[in-house]
Amino acid sequence: MRTILYWLATTAFAVAMAHSSGQSAAGEAADLLWAPSGAADVLPVPEPSRAVLLGVGIMAIAFTYRKAWLNLKRKG
């Protein structure tokens, strides 16, 4: 049961973060400190591929963490 909850929580977290990375605030470009003065007029464009890569990356880290934890428990 713990394994199922772990993967459900990790998947929910990955989906939530991937979804929120696709969102962009209207004033986000104006809030950047390093942006040139003309960059405030350009709004950021959400990229679906970045959101997918973020979700896949979170799941890959979760898989690696789980494998490392199980190996550590077996050896100890």
N, C-alpha and C. Protein backbone atom coordinates (compact mmCIF):
# COMPACT_ATOMS: atom_id res chain seq x y z
N MET A 1 0.82 -1.19 0.00
CA MET A 1 0.00 0.00 0.00
C MET A 1 0.87 1.26 0.00
N ARG A 2 2.01 1.20 0.71
CA ARG A 2 2.90 2.35 0.78
C ARG A 2 3.47 2.69 -0.60
N THR A 3 3.78 1.66 -1.37
CA THR A 3 4.32 1.88 -2.71
C THR A 3 3.30 2.56 -3.61
N ILE A 4 2.07 2.12 -3.54
CA ILE A 4 1.01 2.73 -4.36
C ILE A 4 0.80 4.19 -3.98
N LEU A 5 0.78 4.47 -2.69
CA LEU A 5 0.63 5.86 -2.25
C LEU A 5 1.82 6.72 -2.69
N TYR A 6 3.02 6.15 -2.64
CA TYR A 6 4.21 6.87 -3.07
C TYR A 6 4.09 7.27 -4.54
N TRP A 7 3.73 6.31 -5.39
CA TRP A 7 3.65 6.61 -6.82
C TRP A 7 2.47 7.52 -7.14
N LEU A 8 1.36 7.37 -6.44
CA LEU A 8 0.23 8.28 -6.67
C LEU A 8 0.58 9.71 -6.27
N ALA A 9 1.24 9.87 -5.12
CA ALA A 9 1.63 11.21 -4.68
C ALA A 9 2.66 11.82 -5.62
N THR A 10 3.62 11.02 -6.05
CA THR A 10 4.65 11.52 -6.97
C THR A 10 4.04 11.90 -8.32
N THR A 11 3.15 11.08 -8.81
CA THR A 11 2.50 11.39 -10.08
C THR A 11 1.65 12.65 -9.98
N ALA A 12 0.90 12.78 -8.89
CA ALA A 12 0.09 13.98 -8.69
C ALA A 12 0.97 15.22 -8.61
N PHE A 13 2.10 15.11 -7.91
CA PHE A 13 3.02 16.23 -7.81
C PHE A 13 3.60 16.59 -9.17
N ALA A 14 4.01 15.59 -9.95
CA ALA A 14 4.58 15.84 -11.27
C ALA A 14 3.56 16.49 -12.20
N VAL A 15 2.33 16.03 -12.17
CA VAL A 15 1.29 16.61 -13.01
C VAL A 15 0.99 18.05 -12.59
N ALA A 16 0.92 18.29 -11.29
CA ALA A 16 0.65 19.64 -10.81
C ALA A 16 1.76 20.60 -11.20
N MET A 17 3.01 20.17 -11.05
CA MET A 17 4.13 21.05 -11.40
C MET A 17 4.22 21.27 -12.91
N ALA A 18 3.96 20.23 -13.69
CA ALA A 18 3.98 20.38 -15.14
C ALA A 18 2.87 21.31 -15.60
N HIS A 19 1.71 21.21 -14.95
CA HIS A 19 0.59 22.08 -15.32
C HIS A 19 0.90 23.53 -14.94
N SER A 20 1.48 23.74 -13.76
CA SER A 20 1.75 25.10 -13.33
C SER A 20 2.91 25.72 -14.09
N SER A 21 3.82 24.91 -14.65
CA SER A 21 4.91 25.47 -15.43
C SER A 21 4.41 26.00 -16.77
N GLY A 22 3.29 25.50 -17.24
CA GLY A 22 2.71 25.99 -18.48
C GLY A 22 1.96 27.29 -18.31
N GLN A 23 1.60 27.61 -17.09
CA GLN A 23 0.90 28.85 -16.81
C GLN A 23 1.90 30.00 -16.82
N SER A 24 1.47 31.16 -17.27
CA SER A 24 2.35 32.33 -17.21
C SER A 24 1.54 33.53 -16.77
N ALA A 25 2.12 34.29 -15.88
CA ALA A 25 1.46 35.51 -15.40
C ALA A 25 1.70 36.62 -16.41
N ALA A 26 0.76 37.54 -16.51
CA ALA A 26 0.87 38.62 -17.50
C ALA A 26 2.03 39.55 -17.17
N GLY A 27 2.30 39.78 -15.91
CA GLY A 27 3.36 40.70 -15.53
C GLY A 27 4.68 40.03 -15.24
N GLU A 28 4.81 38.79 -15.62
CA GLU A 28 6.02 38.03 -15.28
C GLU A 28 7.26 38.61 -15.94
N ALA A 29 7.17 39.03 -17.18
CA ALA A 29 8.33 39.57 -17.87
C ALA A 29 8.75 40.91 -17.27
N ALA A 30 7.80 41.67 -16.77
CA ALA A 30 8.13 42.96 -16.18
C ALA A 30 8.80 42.80 -14.82
N ASP A 31 8.62 41.68 -14.17
CA ASP A 31 9.19 41.45 -12.85
C ASP A 31 10.65 41.00 -12.90
N LEU A 32 11.15 40.63 -14.05
CA LEU A 32 12.52 40.17 -14.15
C LEU A 32 13.48 41.34 -13.94
N LEU A 33 14.44 41.17 -13.06
CA LEU A 33 15.38 42.24 -12.78
C LEU A 33 16.41 42.41 -13.89
N TRP A 34 16.77 41.34 -14.56
CA TRP A 34 17.82 41.41 -15.56
C TRP A 34 17.31 41.73 -16.95
N ALA A 35 16.00 41.84 -17.11
CA ALA A 35 15.42 42.06 -18.44
C ALA A 35 15.69 43.49 -18.92
N PRO A 36 16.05 43.64 -20.19
CA PRO A 36 16.20 44.99 -20.74
C PRO A 36 14.85 45.71 -20.74
N SER A 37 14.88 46.99 -20.94
CA SER A 37 13.65 47.78 -20.85
C SER A 37 12.61 47.36 -21.89
N GLY A 38 13.02 46.93 -23.07
CA GLY A 38 12.08 46.53 -24.11
C GLY A 38 11.47 45.16 -23.87
N ALA A 39 12.06 44.37 -22.96
CA ALA A 39 11.57 43.01 -22.72
C ALA A 39 10.28 43.00 -21.92
N ALA A 40 9.94 44.10 -21.28
CA ALA A 40 8.71 44.15 -20.49
C ALA A 40 7.48 44.07 -21.38
N ASP A 41 7.63 44.39 -22.66
CA ASP A 41 6.50 44.35 -23.58
C ASP A 41 6.24 42.94 -24.12
N VAL A 42 7.17 42.03 -23.94
CA VAL A 42 7.07 40.69 -24.48
C VAL A 42 6.60 39.75 -23.37
N LEU A 43 5.50 39.08 -23.61
CA LEU A 43 4.98 38.12 -22.63
C LEU A 43 5.61 36.76 -22.84
N PRO A 44 5.85 36.02 -21.75
CA PRO A 44 6.43 34.69 -21.91
C PRO A 44 5.44 33.74 -22.59
N VAL A 45 5.98 32.85 -23.39
CA VAL A 45 5.15 31.89 -24.11
C VAL A 45 5.27 30.54 -23.42
N PRO A 46 4.15 29.95 -22.98
CA PRO A 46 4.24 28.63 -22.35
C PRO A 46 4.62 27.58 -23.39
N GLU A 47 5.52 26.72 -23.01
CA GLU A 47 5.96 25.67 -23.92
C GLU A 47 5.53 24.33 -23.36
N PRO A 48 4.62 23.64 -24.03
CA PRO A 48 4.16 22.34 -23.53
C PRO A 48 5.28 21.32 -23.39
N SER A 49 6.29 21.40 -24.25
CA SER A 49 7.37 20.42 -24.15
C SER A 49 8.16 20.59 -22.86
N ARG A 50 8.30 21.81 -22.38
CA ARG A 50 8.99 22.03 -21.11
C ARG A 50 8.20 21.45 -19.96
N ALA A 51 6.89 21.56 -20.02
CA ALA A 51 6.04 21.00 -18.97
C ALA A 51 6.14 19.48 -18.96
N VAL A 52 6.16 18.89 -20.13
CA VAL A 52 6.28 17.42 -20.21
C VAL A 52 7.63 16.97 -19.69
N LEU A 53 8.70 17.66 -20.07
CA LEU A 53 10.03 17.31 -19.59
C LEU A 53 10.14 17.47 -18.08
N LEU A 54 9.50 18.49 -17.52
CA LEU A 54 9.50 18.66 -16.07
C LEU A 54 8.81 17.49 -15.40
N GLY A 55 7.66 17.08 -15.89
CA GLY A 55 6.94 15.94 -15.32
C GLY A 55 7.74 14.65 -15.43
N VAL A 56 8.36 14.43 -16.59
CA VAL A 56 9.18 13.23 -16.77
C VAL A 56 10.40 13.26 -15.85
N GLY A 57 10.99 14.43 -15.68
CA GLY A 57 12.14 14.57 -14.80
C GLY A 57 11.80 14.28 -13.35
N ILE A 58 10.66 14.77 -12.89
CA ILE A 58 10.23 14.50 -11.52
C ILE A 58 9.98 13.01 -11.32
N MET A 59 9.37 12.35 -12.30
CA MET A 59 9.14 10.92 -12.18
C MET A 59 10.46 10.14 -12.22
N ALA A 60 11.42 10.59 -13.02
CA ALA A 60 12.72 9.91 -13.08
C ALA A 60 13.46 10.04 -11.74
N ILE A 61 13.39 11.22 -11.14
CA ILE A 61 14.01 11.42 -9.83
C ILE A 61 13.32 10.54 -8.79
N ALA A 62 12.01 10.47 -8.85
CA ALA A 62 11.27 9.63 -7.89
C ALA A 62 11.64 8.16 -8.06
N PHE A 63 11.78 7.70 -9.29
CA PHE A 63 12.17 6.32 -9.55
C PHE A 63 13.57 6.03 -9.02
N THR A 64 14.50 6.95 -9.28
CA THR A 64 15.87 6.78 -8.82
C THR A 64 15.95 6.80 -7.30
N TYR A 65 15.22 7.72 -6.67
CA TYR A 65 15.19 7.79 -5.22
C TYR A 65 14.65 6.50 -4.62
N ARG A 66 13.59 5.99 -5.19
CA ARG A 66 12.98 4.76 -4.68
C ARG A 66 13.95 3.58 -4.80
N LYS A 67 14.61 3.47 -5.96
CA LYS A 67 15.58 2.38 -6.15
C LYS A 67 16.74 2.51 -5.15
N ALA A 68 17.24 3.71 -4.97
CA ALA A 68 18.35 3.92 -4.03
C ALA A 68 17.92 3.59 -2.61
N TRP A 69 16.72 3.98 -2.23
CA TRP A 69 16.22 3.69 -0.89
C TRP A 69 16.07 2.19 -0.66
N LEU A 70 15.52 1.50 -1.65
CA LEU A 70 15.36 0.05 -1.51
C LEU A 70 16.71 -0.66 -1.44
N ASN A 71 17.69 -0.22 -2.23
CA ASN A 71 19.02 -0.81 -2.17
C ASN A 71 19.67 -0.55 -0.82
N LEU A 72 19.50 0.63 -0.27
CA LEU A 72 20.06 0.96 1.03
C LEU A 72 19.44 0.12 2.14
N LYS A 73 18.12 -0.11 2.05
CA LYS A 73 17.43 -0.92 3.07
C LYS A 73 17.88 -2.38 3.00
N ARG A 74 18.12 -2.89 1.80
CA ARG A 74 18.54 -4.29 1.64
C ARG A 74 19.95 -4.53 2.19
N LYS A 75 20.83 -3.56 2.01
CA LYS A 75 22.21 -3.73 2.45
C LYS A 75 22.38 -3.47 3.93
N GLY A 76 21.48 -2.72 4.54
CA GLY A 76 21.64 -2.34 5.94
C GLY A 76 21.00 -3.22 6.90
